């Protein structure tokens, strides 16, 4: 799993096919937005802490549902989905995406 910029300068996640829904979510919904990635990290923290029992939101193409014991990413167009086994695992993907953006000078 590699968090990189493509030849056109867009952030992408280079992954095996089994994680393509995650890659599509990050590049298509979160994109180059620090604000967006921080919103998902905050939702993870809210559920992990018990502040809220679950969180769900739909972006450009994906609905993310964060539960205490897992995270689901559902593509609204292809109807493909990915279940991630823990909030911490999902949050680590978000944090790596954020590091990638910051490494390219993104501040917002």
Protein backbone atom coordinates (compact mmCIF):
# COMPACT_ATOMS: atom_id res chain seq x y z
CA UNK A 1 0.00 0.00 0.00
CA UNK A 2 1.62 3.22 -1.19
CA UNK A 3 0.34 6.73 -0.60
CA UNK A 4 1.72 8.68 -3.58
CA UNK A 5 1.07 11.42 -6.10
CA UNK A 6 0.35 10.41 -9.68
CA UNK A 7 2.00 11.95 -12.74
CA UNK A 8 -0.58 14.74 -12.80
CA UNK A 9 0.07 15.58 -9.15
CA UNK A 10 -3.10 14.06 -7.68
CA UNK A 11 -2.91 12.07 -4.45
CA UNK A 12 -3.61 8.37 -4.94
CA UNK A 13 -3.41 5.16 -3.00
CA UNK A 14 -1.58 2.43 -4.92
CA UNK A 15 -3.06 -0.82 -3.57
CA UNK A 16 -3.94 -4.40 -4.38
CA UNK A 17 -7.39 -4.83 -5.90
CA UNK A 18 -8.96 -5.93 -2.61
CA UNK A 19 -8.50 -2.35 -1.32
CA UNK A 20 -9.62 -0.49 -4.45
CA UNK A 21 -12.78 0.78 -2.73
CA UNK A 22 -10.59 2.45 -0.08
CA UNK A 23 -8.37 3.94 -2.79
CA UNK A 24 -11.41 5.23 -4.69
CA UNK A 25 -12.86 6.71 -1.50
CA UNK A 26 -9.67 8.57 -0.60
CA UNK A 27 -9.01 9.91 -4.08
CA UNK A 28 -12.65 10.56 -5.00
CA UNK A 29 -14.28 11.72 -1.78
CA UNK A 30 -11.54 13.04 0.51
CA UNK A 31 -9.34 14.16 -2.41
CA UNK A 32 -6.80 16.84 -1.50
CA UNK A 33 -8.72 18.22 1.46
CA UNK A 34 -7.12 18.40 4.91
CA UNK A 35 -10.50 19.60 6.19
CA UNK A 36 -12.17 16.50 4.73
CA UNK A 37 -9.66 14.03 6.14
CA UNK A 38 -9.86 15.75 9.54
CA UNK A 39 -13.65 15.38 9.48
CA UNK A 40 -13.36 11.60 9.09
CA UNK A 41 -10.65 11.39 11.77
CA UNK A 42 -12.91 13.34 14.16
CA UNK A 43 -15.79 10.95 13.41
CA UNK A 44 -13.49 8.01 14.21
CA UNK A 45 -12.54 9.65 17.51
CA UNK A 46 -16.18 10.35 18.38
CA UNK A 47 -17.18 6.71 17.89
CA UNK A 48 -14.03 5.29 19.52
CA UNK A 49 -14.55 7.41 22.63
CA UNK A 50 -18.21 6.43 22.90
CA UNK A 51 -19.33 10.03 22.39
CA UNK A 52 -21.61 8.70 19.64
CA UNK A 53 -22.54 5.06 18.94
CA UNK A 54 -22.09 5.20 15.13
CA UNK A 55 -21.37 7.72 12.42
CA UNK A 56 -22.39 7.62 8.77
CA UNK A 57 -21.91 10.07 5.94
CA UNK A 58 -22.04 10.12 2.16
CA UNK A 59 -19.53 12.01 0.07
CA UNK A 60 -19.13 12.25 -3.70
CA UNK A 61 -19.49 8.53 -4.35
CA UNK A 62 -19.08 6.63 -1.08
CA UNK A 63 -20.98 6.18 2.15
CA UNK A 64 -18.78 5.56 5.18
CA UNK A 65 -20.27 3.96 8.28
CA UNK A 66 -18.13 3.92 11.40
CA UNK A 67 -19.17 1.54 14.17
CA UNK A 68 -17.41 0.67 17.40
CA UNK A 69 -16.02 -2.57 15.94
CA UNK A 70 -15.64 -1.85 12.20
CA UNK A 71 -15.85 0.60 9.32
CA UNK A 72 -17.73 0.05 6.07
CA UNK A 73 -17.05 1.95 2.85
CA UNK A 74 -19.81 1.54 0.25
CA UNK A 75 -19.56 2.83 -3.32
CA UNK A 76 -22.98 4.25 -4.19
CA UNK A 77 -22.45 3.75 -7.94
CA UNK A 78 -20.79 0.37 -8.29
CA UNK A 79 -22.32 -0.98 -5.07
CA UNK A 80 -18.95 -2.43 -4.11
CA UNK A 81 -17.95 -2.22 -0.49
CA UNK A 82 -15.07 -2.77 1.84
CA UNK A 83 -15.28 -3.75 5.50
CA UNK A 84 -12.34 -2.60 7.60
CA UNK A 85 -11.94 -4.56 10.82
CA UNK A 86 -11.33 -1.65 13.18
CA UNK A 87 -11.62 2.09 13.58
CA UNK A 88 -7.89 2.25 14.31
CA UNK A 89 -7.06 0.59 10.99
CA UNK A 90 -9.31 3.01 9.07
CA UNK A 91 -7.92 5.94 11.02
CA UNK A 92 -4.35 4.90 10.11
CA UNK A 93 -5.28 5.08 6.40
CA UNK A 94 -6.71 8.55 6.96
CA UNK A 95 -3.64 9.70 8.86
CA UNK A 96 -1.33 8.42 6.11
CA UNK A 97 -3.46 10.24 3.52
CA UNK A 98 -3.18 13.41 5.59
CA UNK A 99 0.62 13.02 5.81
CA UNK A 100 0.74 12.64 2.03
CA UNK A 101 -1.23 15.85 1.53
CA UNK A 102 0.88 17.78 4.03
CA UNK A 103 4.08 16.52 2.35
CA UNK A 104 2.91 18.31 -0.81
CA UNK A 105 2.21 21.56 0.99
CA UNK A 106 -1.55 21.20 1.41
CA UNK A 107 -2.70 23.17 4.45
CA UNK A 108 -6.50 23.30 4.11
